[in-house]
Protein backbone atom coordinates (compact mmCIF):
# COMPACT_ATOMS: atom_id res chain seq x y z
CA UNK A 1 -1.53 -22.73 -33.31
CA UNK A 2 -4.24 -25.37 -33.09
CA UNK A 3 -1.77 -27.80 -31.55
CA UNK A 4 -0.85 -25.21 -28.93
CA UNK A 5 -4.50 -24.77 -28.01
CA UNK A 6 -5.07 -28.52 -27.68
CA UNK A 7 -1.89 -28.96 -25.61
CA UNK A 8 -3.03 -26.08 -23.39
CA UNK A 9 -6.41 -27.75 -22.93
CA UNK A 10 -4.72 -30.98 -21.86
CA UNK A 11 -2.55 -29.09 -19.37
CA UNK A 12 -5.63 -27.45 -17.85
CA UNK A 13 -7.39 -30.80 -17.50
CA UNK A 14 -4.32 -32.54 -16.06
CA UNK A 15 -3.60 -29.73 -13.61
CA UNK A 16 -7.16 -29.58 -12.35
CA UNK A 17 -7.23 -33.24 -11.27
CA UNK A 18 -10.46 -35.13 -10.97
CA UNK A 19 -13.38 -34.43 -13.26
CA UNK A 20 -15.79 -34.92 -10.39
CA UNK A 21 -16.55 -32.29 -7.80
CA UNK A 22 -15.12 -32.81 -4.36
CA UNK A 23 -16.09 -31.09 -1.15
CA UNK A 24 -13.01 -29.87 0.66
CA UNK A 25 -12.64 -29.43 4.42
CA UNK A 26 -14.01 -28.02 6.63
CA UNK A 27 -17.10 -30.22 6.74
CA UNK A 28 -20.67 -29.15 6.05
CA UNK A 29 -21.03 -27.95 9.64
CA UNK A 30 -19.90 -24.52 8.41
CA UNK A 31 -23.29 -24.28 6.64
CA UNK A 32 -25.30 -24.80 9.81
CA UNK A 33 -27.54 -21.92 10.82
CA UNK A 34 -27.19 -19.94 7.60
CA UNK A 35 -30.66 -18.51 6.90
CA UNK A 36 -29.92 -17.16 3.39
CA UNK A 37 -27.11 -16.66 0.90
CA UNK A 38 -26.11 -14.13 -1.73
CA UNK A 39 -24.84 -15.31 -5.11
CA UNK A 40 -21.88 -13.85 -6.98
CA UNK A 41 -20.74 -15.08 -10.39
CA UNK A 42 -17.36 -13.99 -11.67
CA UNK A 43 -17.18 -12.63 -15.24
CA UNK A 44 -16.56 -15.16 -17.97
CA UNK A 45 -14.14 -14.87 -20.89
CA UNK A 46 -15.39 -12.61 -23.68
CA UNK A 47 -15.39 -15.38 -26.30
CA UNK A 48 -17.70 -17.47 -24.09
CA UNK A 49 -19.93 -14.52 -23.24
CA UNK A 50 -20.20 -13.73 -26.96
CA UNK A 51 -21.62 -17.21 -27.45
CA UNK A 52 -24.36 -16.72 -24.85
CA UNK A 53 -22.87 -17.93 -21.57
CA UNK A 54 -22.51 -14.92 -19.29
CA UNK A 55 -22.26 -14.37 -15.56
CA UNK A 56 -25.91 -13.25 -15.67
CA UNK A 57 -27.04 -16.46 -17.36
CA UNK A 58 -25.18 -18.70 -14.91
CA UNK A 59 -26.24 -16.57 -11.93
CA UNK A 60 -29.90 -16.85 -12.89
CA UNK A 61 -29.55 -20.64 -13.17
CA UNK A 62 -27.92 -20.92 -9.73
CA UNK A 63 -30.39 -18.56 -8.06
CA UNK A 64 -33.33 -20.37 -9.63
CA UNK A 65 -32.07 -23.75 -8.41
CA UNK A 66 -31.46 -22.45 -4.87
CA UNK A 67 -34.88 -20.84 -4.64
CA UNK A 68 -36.67 -23.90 -6.01
CA UNK A 69 -34.95 -25.98 -3.31
CA UNK A 70 -36.17 -23.60 -0.61
CA UNK A 71 -32.98 -21.65 0.12
CA UNK A 72 -33.51 -17.92 0.46
CA UNK A 73 -31.31 -15.84 -1.84
CA UNK A 74 -30.45 -12.25 -0.97
CA UNK A 75 -29.23 -9.47 -3.23
CA UNK A 76 -25.58 -8.64 -2.68
CA UNK A 77 -26.62 -5.14 -1.64
CA UNK A 78 -29.21 -6.35 0.90
CA UNK A 79 -30.11 -3.61 3.36
CA UNK A 80 -30.40 -6.16 6.17
CA UNK A 81 -27.43 -8.46 5.59
CA UNK A 82 -27.19 -11.91 7.12
CA UNK A 83 -24.57 -12.35 9.85
CA UNK A 84 -21.31 -13.48 8.29
CA UNK A 85 -22.42 -12.34 4.81
CA UNK A 86 -22.58 -15.89 3.38
CA UNK A 87 -22.06 -15.67 -0.38
CA UNK A 88 -22.11 -18.51 -2.87
CA UNK A 89 -19.32 -17.62 -5.29
CA UNK A 90 -19.11 -19.19 -8.77
CA UNK A 91 -15.98 -19.03 -10.93
CA UNK A 92 -15.88 -20.58 -14.40
CA UNK A 93 -12.59 -20.48 -16.31
CA UNK A 94 -12.68 -21.52 -19.94
CA UNK A 95 -10.34 -22.40 -22.75
CA UNK A 96 -12.04 -22.51 -26.14
CA UNK A 97 -10.97 -24.07 -29.44
CA UNK A 98 -13.36 -22.31 -31.78
CA UNK A 99 -12.12 -24.31 -34.75
CA UNK A 100 -13.89 -27.42 -33.46
CA UNK A 101 -16.39 -25.70 -31.15
CA UNK A 102 -14.76 -27.31 -28.11
CA UNK A 103 -14.43 -25.90 -24.62
CA UNK A 104 -12.42 -27.02 -21.63
CA UNK A 105 -13.72 -25.44 -18.46
CA UNK A 106 -13.03 -25.38 -14.76
CA UNK A 107 -15.85 -24.70 -12.31
CA UNK A 108 -15.46 -23.75 -8.66
CA UNK A 109 -18.47 -23.10 -6.45
CA UNK A 110 -17.63 -21.98 -2.92
CA UNK A 111 -19.42 -20.47 0.02
CA UNK A 112 -17.53 -17.58 1.58
CA UNK A 113 -18.32 -16.11 4.98
CA UNK A 114 -16.85 -13.67 7.46
CA UNK A 115 -14.80 -15.69 9.96
CA UNK A 116 -13.10 -14.69 13.22
CA UNK A 117 -9.79 -16.27 14.08
CA UNK A 118 -9.87 -18.44 17.19
CA UNK A 119 -6.42 -17.29 18.28
CA UNK A 120 -7.38 -13.62 17.97
CA UNK A 121 -11.15 -12.87 17.77
CA UNK A 122 -10.38 -9.25 16.86
CA UNK A 123 -9.21 -10.47 13.44
CA UNK A 124 -12.11 -10.83 11.02
CA UNK A 125 -11.52 -12.51 7.66
CA UNK A 126 -14.37 -11.15 5.51
CA UNK A 127 -14.38 -13.64 2.61
CA UNK A 128 -13.13 -16.97 3.92
CA UNK A 129 -14.20 -19.98 1.86
CA UNK A 130 -15.84 -22.44 4.23
CA UNK A 131 -17.31 -24.90 1.72
CA UNK A 132 -16.42 -25.60 -1.90
CA UNK A 133 -16.71 -27.98 -4.79
CA UNK A 134 -14.83 -27.88 -8.08
CA UNK A 135 -13.98 -29.81 -11.20
CA UNK A 136 -13.32 -29.60 -14.90
CA UNK A 137 -15.23 -30.48 -18.01
CA UNK A 138 -14.53 -30.90 -21.70
CA UNK A 139 -17.31 -30.58 -24.24
CA UNK A 140 -17.68 -30.33 -27.98
CA UNK A 141 -20.76 -28.91 -29.68
CA UNK A 142 -23.45 -28.53 -27.08
CA UNK A 143 -20.87 -27.28 -24.58
CA UNK A 144 -23.20 -24.53 -23.39
CA UNK A 145 -25.75 -27.05 -22.11
CA UNK A 146 -22.98 -29.24 -20.65
CA UNK A 147 -21.47 -26.29 -18.79
CA UNK A 148 -24.82 -25.20 -17.35
CA UNK A 149 -25.59 -28.81 -16.36
CA UNK A 150 -22.26 -29.03 -14.50
CA UNK A 151 -22.85 -25.70 -12.74
CA UNK A 152 -26.28 -26.95 -11.65
CA UNK A 153 -24.82 -30.30 -10.51
CA UNK A 154 -22.38 -28.41 -8.26
CA UNK A 155 -25.24 -26.21 -7.06
CA UNK A 156 -27.15 -29.39 -6.17
CA UNK A 157 -24.14 -30.55 -4.14
CA UNK A 158 -24.30 -27.27 -2.21
CA UNK A 159 -28.05 -27.69 -1.70
CA UNK A 160 -27.58 -31.25 -0.38
CA UNK A 161 -24.80 -30.10 1.98
CA UNK A 162 -26.88 -27.13 3.13
CA UNK A 163 -29.89 -29.27 4.05
CA UNK A 164 -27.68 -31.93 5.66
CA UNK A 165 -26.30 -29.19 7.93
CA UNK A 166 -29.77 -27.65 8.46
CA UNK A 167 -32.16 -30.61 8.82
CA UNK A 168 -34.79 -28.41 10.49
CA UNK A 169 -35.22 -26.32 7.32
CA UNK A 170 -37.94 -27.15 4.82
CA UNK A 171 -36.70 -28.41 1.50
CA UNK A 172 -39.02 -27.88 -1.45
């Protein structure tokens, strides 16, 4: 069983590619003019949540980092939504070997917005990813701190891209 878990971890790492985050097209121009974002964190596996890493924990870290950088963060149920409903969406997928307190994880942070198709402006795609960064990590004991650090590193990449696309905005 343990061998199966370790082989599975290797498959996840190999399939995910690079261990560094990479911004994928389109370029940062899709972030231009966005006055605020909402944040959504997908639920994490129960065995990870049981050990203290929940969507709420990661969401609070991301929101705190965005706000401290000077990016306004809206509630998902904002009564006055921002045009395009820009939402920073975090997905963390984990594979845990509890026998050695090891976790392999994949992180994807993407900004989704409502987008109209150029060929037919009547077609509105409500949750089109227009910016993203992703990667994988492997950590032994202390994996909780490593995972949060990686999530914050990807959040910093978003912050840098945001301010590069919005140079007139004040960065704290």
